[in-house]
Amino acid sequence: MRTTIRNTRRNHIVSAIALMASLGLALAGCGGSSSSASTSTESASSTESGSSSSSSSSTSTMSQLAGITATGKPGKKPTISFHTPMTVQNNTYAVLQKGDGATIQDGDRVCSQGIAINAKDGSELMNTWTKNTPDCSLVVDSSSTTDAYYKIFKGAKINSTIAFGVNDSNSSGTSYILAMTLVSKTKALTRATGTTVKDIPSDLPKVTLAKNGKPSLSLNGYKPSGSLVAQTLIKGTGDKVTSTDTVSAHYTGWYETKKGTLKQFDSSWDSGSASSFSLSSVVKGWTKGLTGQTVGSQVLLVIPPDLGYGSDAQKDSSGNVTIPANSTLYFVVDILYAYAAS
């Protein structure tokens, strides 16, 4: 059971419909798992959309969603039209506009703008266009994306608009149409990449990387001082992370036992999927330690109890303690992407 370090639990979209996360809506029939950034003791991680382990529970086929049209210039906010009330089925989609931009390929990270429209009366429930806050957590990956969604997105062109039918069983039961417009893409990072930092203090814990990039950690005689440590190990060349960004990252977390050894309590590497989380909803040590770092960087965090869980022991769903109270936390974090939260 993964212990989480987020401050609030939030349903996050799984499979390829990553934009639901920024719309604040949940895809019926699909749960989320938790990122290691929450203080919730339940497993509530938000793994990379398109690479979530729960995506395997989605249907392997998608049906056509009929009766919906989109007008407007490709790549701009479309006008969505359909007769109301409309009956919506899950696992349905329609390509409303074919894009005129670059072709999406395996391994691409895609940013999307979206509109959610009530299927009953045609009213707009929410959109990301108004504040220009696209969601960029969709990674199109043949090794982990559900086949049906992979086939929809791979080969699509930037500026395409694709509609999905959704029944939201987690709140009011509202049926709606999600219209995603694919606005940009980059090649997704799978691990930290950049310049290795040479002048790392010798008394810090020692990080060793496996061939796939997963870190292991040795205390190396280190004694925590009670202050936050945020040591860059690899300096990436991407944008600087802000304190309110949504961050996609690979990470491993440990705490020090009474015997003076490190015990791993969580790792995205073990699930094979990076996690996405807002830095405004994580423990203070993550927010303070990652703000100002650059995308592509690898960072060693040593988080004192007052910036972590404090006197609150973390427990799994069975009541077993996963992180004792007043623990100093150790993390190695690969920052794979960051974008402004909606």
Protein backbone atom coordinates (compact mmCIF):
# COMPACT_ATOMS: atom_id res chain seq x y z
CA MET A 1 0.00 0.00 0.00
CA ARG A 2 1.48 3.33 -1.02
CA THR A 3 1.65 5.98 1.66
CA THR A 4 0.90 9.39 0.23
CA ILE A 5 2.13 12.87 1.00
CA ARG A 6 -0.55 15.07 -0.50
CA ASN A 7 -2.55 17.42 1.72
CA THR A 8 -5.89 16.84 0.02
CA ARG A 9 -7.35 13.87 -1.79
CA ARG A 10 -8.53 14.52 -5.33
CA ASN A 11 -9.96 12.20 -7.94
CA HIS A 12 -7.67 12.39 -10.93
CA ILE A 13 -8.55 11.22 -14.39
CA VAL A 14 -6.97 7.99 -15.57
CA SER A 15 -6.32 6.53 -18.99
CA ALA A 16 -5.83 9.05 -21.77
CA ILE A 17 -8.49 11.59 -20.78
CA ALA A 18 -6.01 13.52 -18.69
CA LEU A 19 -7.78 16.82 -19.11
CA MET A 20 -10.48 15.76 -16.65
CA ALA A 21 -8.05 16.47 -13.84
CA SER A 22 -7.85 20.15 -14.66
CA LEU A 23 -11.61 20.32 -15.15
CA GLY A 24 -12.06 18.89 -11.65
CA LEU A 25 -14.33 16.14 -12.94
CA ALA A 26 -14.04 12.37 -12.62
CA LEU A 27 -14.48 9.73 -15.31
CA ALA A 28 -17.23 7.33 -14.34
CA GLY A 29 -16.06 3.82 -13.66
CA CYS A 30 -12.38 4.71 -13.36
CA GLY A 31 -10.63 5.34 -10.07
CA GLY A 32 -7.42 7.18 -9.38
CA SER A 33 -4.53 6.10 -7.29
CA SER A 34 -2.55 8.48 -5.16
CA SER A 35 0.63 10.38 -5.62
CA SER A 36 3.21 10.31 -2.95
CA ALA A 37 2.55 13.94 -2.34
CA SER A 38 -0.52 13.66 -0.09
CA THR A 39 -1.00 13.53 3.63
CA SER A 40 -4.01 11.33 3.04
CA THR A 41 -3.32 7.89 4.46
CA GLU A 42 -5.36 6.25 1.74
CA SER A 43 -3.92 5.38 -1.63
CA ALA A 44 -5.05 8.29 -3.78
CA SER A 45 -2.23 8.76 -6.28
CA SER A 46 -2.48 10.63 -9.45
CA THR A 47 -0.26 8.73 -11.81
CA GLU A 48 0.62 10.06 -15.22
CA SER A 49 -2.46 9.99 -17.38
CA GLY A 50 -2.02 7.48 -20.10
CA SER A 51 0.33 5.51 -17.90
CA SER A 52 -1.79 4.82 -14.83
CA SER A 53 -2.00 1.24 -13.67
CA SER A 54 -5.75 1.72 -13.40
CA SER A 55 -5.94 2.40 -17.12
CA SER A 56 -5.87 -1.34 -17.65
CA SER A 57 -9.34 -1.51 -16.12
CA SER A 58 -10.75 0.70 -18.89
CA THR A 59 -12.49 -0.88 -21.80
CA SER A 60 -10.25 -2.02 -24.63
CA THR A 61 -12.69 -0.66 -27.22
CA MET A 62 -14.40 2.68 -27.79
CA SER A 63 -17.69 3.30 -29.61
CA GLN A 64 -18.48 6.27 -31.81
CA LEU A 65 -20.24 9.23 -30.19
CA ALA A 66 -22.79 10.48 -32.72
CA GLY A 67 -24.71 13.72 -33.07
CA ILE A 68 -22.01 16.21 -32.00
CA THR A 69 -20.32 18.85 -34.14
CA ALA A 70 -17.64 21.47 -33.56
CA THR A 71 -17.11 24.69 -35.47
CA GLY A 72 -14.34 27.27 -35.35
CA LYS A 73 -10.68 27.50 -36.27
CA PRO A 74 -8.70 24.36 -35.38
CA GLY A 75 -6.61 24.94 -32.27
CA LYS A 76 -8.93 27.62 -30.91
CA LYS A 77 -11.87 27.24 -28.53
CA PRO A 78 -14.51 25.37 -30.54
CA THR A 79 -18.26 25.84 -30.49
CA ILE A 80 -19.79 22.46 -29.63
CA SER A 81 -23.31 21.69 -30.81
CA PHE A 82 -25.72 18.79 -30.21
CA HIS A 83 -29.44 18.27 -29.65
CA THR A 84 -30.51 18.26 -26.00
CA PRO A 85 -31.23 16.32 -23.95
CA MET A 86 -28.63 13.85 -25.14
CA THR A 87 -28.14 10.35 -23.79
CA VAL A 88 -24.45 9.73 -23.16
CA GLN A 89 -22.68 6.40 -22.92
CA ASN A 90 -19.28 5.92 -21.33
CA ASN A 91 -16.39 4.80 -23.54
CA THR A 92 -17.64 6.76 -26.54
CA TYR A 93 -15.75 9.32 -28.58
CA ALA A 94 -15.85 11.36 -31.78
CA VAL A 95 -13.18 13.28 -33.67
CA LEU A 96 -14.89 16.64 -34.15
CA GLN A 97 -12.06 18.52 -35.85
CA LYS A 98 -8.93 17.14 -37.48
CA GLY A 99 -5.89 19.19 -36.59
CA ASP A 100 -3.41 20.87 -38.88
CA GLY A 101 -0.35 20.62 -36.63
CA ALA A 102 2.34 18.07 -35.85
CA THR A 103 1.47 14.38 -35.63
CA ILE A 104 1.40 12.88 -32.13
CA GLN A 105 3.86 10.01 -31.76
CA ASP A 106 4.61 7.36 -29.17
CA GLY A 107 6.29 8.91 -26.14
CA ASP A 108 4.83 12.38 -26.65
CA ARG A 109 3.47 14.48 -23.80
CA VAL A 110 0.35 16.29 -24.99
CA CYS A 111 -1.19 19.49 -23.62
CA SER A 112 -4.95 19.86 -24.07
CA GLN A 113 -7.57 22.53 -23.54
CA GLY A 114 -11.07 21.32 -22.76
CA ILE A 115 -14.73 22.10 -22.36
CA ALA A 116 -17.24 20.08 -20.33
CA ILE A 117 -20.84 20.49 -21.53
CA ASN A 118 -23.96 19.22 -19.77
CA ALA A 119 -25.58 16.59 -21.99
CA LYS A 120 -29.04 17.37 -20.61
CA ASP A 121 -29.30 21.07 -21.38
CA GLY A 122 -26.13 22.01 -23.29
CA SER A 123 -24.83 24.32 -20.58
CA GLU A 124 -21.09 24.71 -20.15
CA LEU A 125 -19.94 23.16 -16.87
CA MET A 126 -16.31 24.25 -17.05
CA ASN A 127 -13.51 25.00 -19.47
CA THR A 128 -9.77 25.59 -19.41
CA TRP A 129 -9.74 28.04 -22.30
CA THR A 130 -10.89 31.07 -20.30
CA LYS A 131 -7.86 31.10 -18.01
CA ASN A 132 -5.60 29.39 -20.56
CA THR A 133 -4.73 26.51 -18.22
CA PRO A 134 -4.22 23.45 -20.43
CA ASP A 135 -3.60 20.07 -18.83
CA CYS A 136 -0.30 18.48 -19.85
CA SER A 137 -0.40 15.19 -17.96
CA LEU A 138 -1.29 13.04 -20.97
CA VAL A 139 1.62 10.87 -22.12
CA VAL A 140 0.94 8.71 -25.18
CA ASP A 141 2.89 5.55 -24.44
CA SER A 142 2.39 2.20 -26.17
CA SER A 143 3.80 0.28 -23.22
CA SER A 144 1.27 1.52 -20.70
CA THR A 145 -1.62 3.38 -22.33
CA THR A 146 -4.86 1.46 -22.79
CA ASP A 147 -5.04 0.27 -26.40
CA ALA A 148 -8.27 2.10 -27.19
CA TYR A 149 -6.99 5.49 -26.05
CA TYR A 150 -3.57 4.91 -27.57
CA LYS A 151 -5.18 4.34 -30.97
CA ILE A 152 -7.22 7.53 -30.62
CA PHE A 153 -4.33 9.81 -29.72
CA LYS A 154 -1.34 8.33 -31.55
CA GLY A 155 -1.39 9.67 -35.08
CA ALA A 156 -3.77 12.50 -34.25
CA LYS A 157 -2.57 15.97 -35.17
CA ILE A 158 -2.11 18.94 -32.89
CA ASN A 159 -5.18 21.25 -33.00
CA SER A 160 -7.54 18.26 -33.27
CA THR A 161 -10.68 18.35 -31.12
CA ILE A 162 -11.92 15.02 -29.76
CA ALA A 163 -15.13 14.57 -27.75
CA PHE A 164 -15.75 11.92 -25.09
CA GLY A 165 -19.03 10.91 -23.47
CA VAL A 166 -18.89 10.76 -19.68
CA ASN A 167 -21.33 9.86 -16.92
CA ASP A 168 -20.04 11.25 -13.63
CA SER A 169 -21.03 8.63 -11.08
CA ASN A 170 -18.84 10.15 -8.34
CA SER A 171 -20.86 13.32 -7.69
CA SER A 172 -24.22 14.47 -9.03
CA GLY A 173 -24.52 11.82 -11.70
CA THR A 174 -24.32 14.46 -14.41
CA SER A 175 -23.81 13.25 -17.97
CA TYR A 176 -21.60 15.48 -20.06
CA ILE A 177 -19.49 15.82 -23.16
CA LEU A 178 -15.78 16.51 -22.73
CA ALA A 179 -14.31 18.19 -25.80
CA MET A 180 -10.51 18.07 -25.76
CA THR A 181 -8.45 20.20 -28.13
CA LEU A 182 -4.85 19.00 -28.45
CA VAL A 183 -2.84 22.23 -28.47
CA SER A 184 0.83 21.24 -28.16
CA LYS A 185 3.23 18.36 -27.62
CA THR A 186 6.75 17.66 -26.43
CA LYS A 187 8.79 14.49 -26.09
CA ALA A 188 8.09 13.20 -22.58
CA LEU A 189 11.00 12.76 -20.19
CA THR A 190 11.21 9.38 -18.47
CA ARG A 191 13.96 10.34 -16.01
CA ALA A 192 16.04 13.36 -14.99
CA THR A 193 18.34 14.64 -17.70
CA GLY A 194 20.83 17.47 -17.67
CA THR A 195 24.19 18.30 -16.11
CA THR A 196 25.42 16.28 -13.13
CA VAL A 197 26.16 18.59 -10.22
CA LYS A 198 29.77 18.21 -9.04
CA ASP A 199 29.96 20.26 -5.84
CA ILE A 200 27.56 18.23 -3.70
CA PRO A 201 28.44 18.38 0.03
CA SER A 202 30.20 15.16 0.98
CA ASP A 203 28.24 14.73 4.22
CA LEU A 204 24.84 14.42 2.52
CA PRO A 205 23.15 11.05 1.94
CA LYS A 206 24.60 9.27 -1.10
CA VAL A 207 22.39 8.56 -4.11
CA THR A 208 23.07 5.67 -6.48
CA LEU A 209 21.06 5.18 -9.67
CA ALA A 210 20.04 1.89 -11.27
CA LYS A 211 20.25 1.52 -15.04
CA ASN A 212 16.59 2.48 -15.41
CA GLY A 213 17.09 5.58 -13.24
CA LYS A 214 15.56 4.34 -9.99
CA PRO A 215 17.52 5.77 -7.04
CA SER A 216 18.78 4.03 -3.94
CA LEU A 217 19.94 6.00 -0.92
CA SER A 218 22.60 5.54 1.75
CA LEU A 219 22.69 7.79 4.81
CA ASN A 220 26.47 8.01 4.48
CA GLY A 221 26.73 8.94 8.16
CA TYR A 222 24.33 11.86 7.68
CA LYS A 223 22.61 13.31 10.73
CA PRO A 224 19.61 15.55 10.00
CA SER A 225 19.90 19.11 11.30
CA GLY A 226 16.19 19.84 11.48
CA SER A 227 16.38 22.12 8.43
CA LEU A 228 15.12 21.43 4.93
CA VAL A 229 17.71 20.19 2.44
CA ALA A 230 16.97 20.58 -1.28
CA GLN A 231 20.14 19.51 -3.08
CA THR A 232 20.11 19.47 -6.87
CA LEU A 233 21.87 16.34 -8.14
CA ILE A 234 21.19 16.74 -11.85
CA LYS A 235 20.47 20.21 -13.24
CA GLY A 236 17.81 20.16 -15.94
CA THR A 237 17.48 22.77 -18.65
CA GLY A 238 13.69 23.15 -18.57
CA ASP A 239 11.45 25.83 -17.11
CA LYS A 240 11.57 26.78 -13.46
CA VAL A 241 8.93 25.23 -11.24
CA THR A 242 6.59 27.58 -9.37
CA SER A 243 4.94 26.92 -6.01
CA THR A 244 1.52 26.40 -7.62
CA ASP A 245 2.54 24.30 -10.63
CA THR A 246 1.33 20.81 -11.29
CA VAL A 247 4.43 18.63 -11.45
CA SER A 248 4.98 15.26 -13.10
CA ALA A 249 7.75 13.36 -11.35
CA HIS A 250 9.40 10.07 -10.57
CA TYR A 251 10.37 9.77 -6.92
CA THR A 252 11.33 7.40 -4.12
CA GLY A 253 10.76 8.15 -0.44
CA TRP A 254 12.36 6.81 2.76
CA TYR A 255 12.32 7.46 6.49
CA GLU A 256 14.99 6.64 9.07
CA THR A 257 14.15 3.80 11.45
CA LYS A 258 15.05 3.67 15.14
CA LYS A 259 17.96 1.43 14.15
CA GLY A 260 19.39 4.19 12.00
CA THR A 261 18.60 2.54 8.68
CA LEU A 262 16.50 3.87 5.83
CA LYS A 263 13.16 2.24 5.04
CA GLN A 264 11.50 2.89 1.68
CA PHE A 265 7.81 3.70 2.01
CA ASP A 266 6.92 4.73 -1.53
CA SER A 267 8.31 4.81 -5.06
CA SER A 268 6.75 5.67 -8.39
CA TRP A 269 9.52 3.64 -10.02
CA ASP A 270 8.04 0.46 -8.57
CA SER A 271 4.71 1.10 -10.30
CA GLY A 272 6.42 2.00 -13.57
CA SER A 273 4.49 5.26 -13.81
CA ALA A 274 5.43 8.81 -12.95
CA SER A 275 3.00 10.77 -10.76
CA SER A 276 1.39 14.16 -11.22
CA PHE A 277 0.46 16.45 -8.33
CA SER A 278 -0.02 20.11 -7.56
CA LEU A 279 2.70 21.71 -5.44
CA SER A 280 -0.05 23.70 -3.74
CA SER A 281 -1.46 20.47 -2.27
CA VAL A 282 1.65 18.73 -0.97
CA VAL A 283 3.51 18.82 2.33
CA LYS A 284 5.52 21.99 2.81
CA GLY A 285 8.87 20.27 2.32
CA TRP A 286 7.95 19.33 -1.23
CA THR A 287 6.60 22.78 -2.07
CA LYS A 288 9.61 24.61 -0.62
CA GLY A 289 12.16 22.13 -1.94
CA LEU A 290 10.94 21.88 -5.53
CA THR A 291 9.93 25.50 -6.12
CA GLY A 292 12.60 27.17 -8.25
CA GLN A 293 14.03 23.87 -9.49
CA THR A 294 14.05 23.29 -13.25
CA VAL A 295 12.31 20.63 -15.31
CA GLY A 296 14.70 17.76 -16.01
CA SER A 297 16.39 18.11 -12.63
CA GLN A 298 16.91 15.47 -9.97
CA VAL A 299 16.64 16.72 -6.40
CA LEU A 300 17.49 15.18 -3.04
CA LEU A 301 15.03 16.34 -0.38
CA VAL A 302 15.60 15.91 3.35
CA ILE A 303 12.38 17.04 5.00
CA PRO A 304 12.23 17.68 8.75
CA PRO A 305 9.07 16.61 10.60
CA ASP A 306 7.65 20.14 10.82
CA LEU A 307 7.66 20.36 7.01
CA GLY A 308 6.41 16.79 6.59
CA TYR A 309 3.89 14.93 8.74
CA GLY A 310 4.92 16.29 12.13
CA SER A 311 3.49 14.29 15.01
CA ASP A 312 0.98 12.48 12.81
CA ALA A 313 1.91 8.88 12.07
CA GLN A 314 0.90 7.76 8.58
CA LYS A 315 -1.14 4.57 8.28
CA ASP A 316 -2.39 2.40 5.46
CA SER A 317 -6.02 1.40 4.97
CA SER A 318 -5.57 -1.50 7.40
CA GLY A 319 -4.31 0.78 10.16
CA ASN A 320 -0.67 -0.28 9.90
CA VAL A 321 1.86 2.49 10.46
CA THR A 322 3.75 3.22 7.25
CA ILE A 323 5.63 6.30 8.47
CA PRO A 324 6.12 6.83 12.22
CA ALA A 325 5.33 10.16 13.84
CA ASN A 326 8.08 12.80 13.85
CA SER A 327 9.96 11.13 11.00
CA THR A 328 12.52 12.93 8.87
CA LEU A 329 11.68 12.12 5.25
CA TYR A 330 14.17 11.53 2.44
CA PHE A 331 13.20 11.78 -1.22
CA VAL A 332 14.96 11.65 -4.55
CA VAL A 333 12.74 13.38 -7.12
CA ASP A 334 13.09 13.50 -10.91
CA ILE A 335 11.12 16.50 -12.23
CA LEU A 336 9.77 15.40 -15.61
CA TYR A 337 7.37 18.24 -16.38
CA ALA A 338 5.63 21.22 -14.77
CA TYR A 339 2.70 23.33 -15.88
CA ALA A 340 0.41 25.97 -14.39
CA ALA A 341 -2.49 24.50 -12.44
CA SER A 342 -6.01 25.50 -13.40
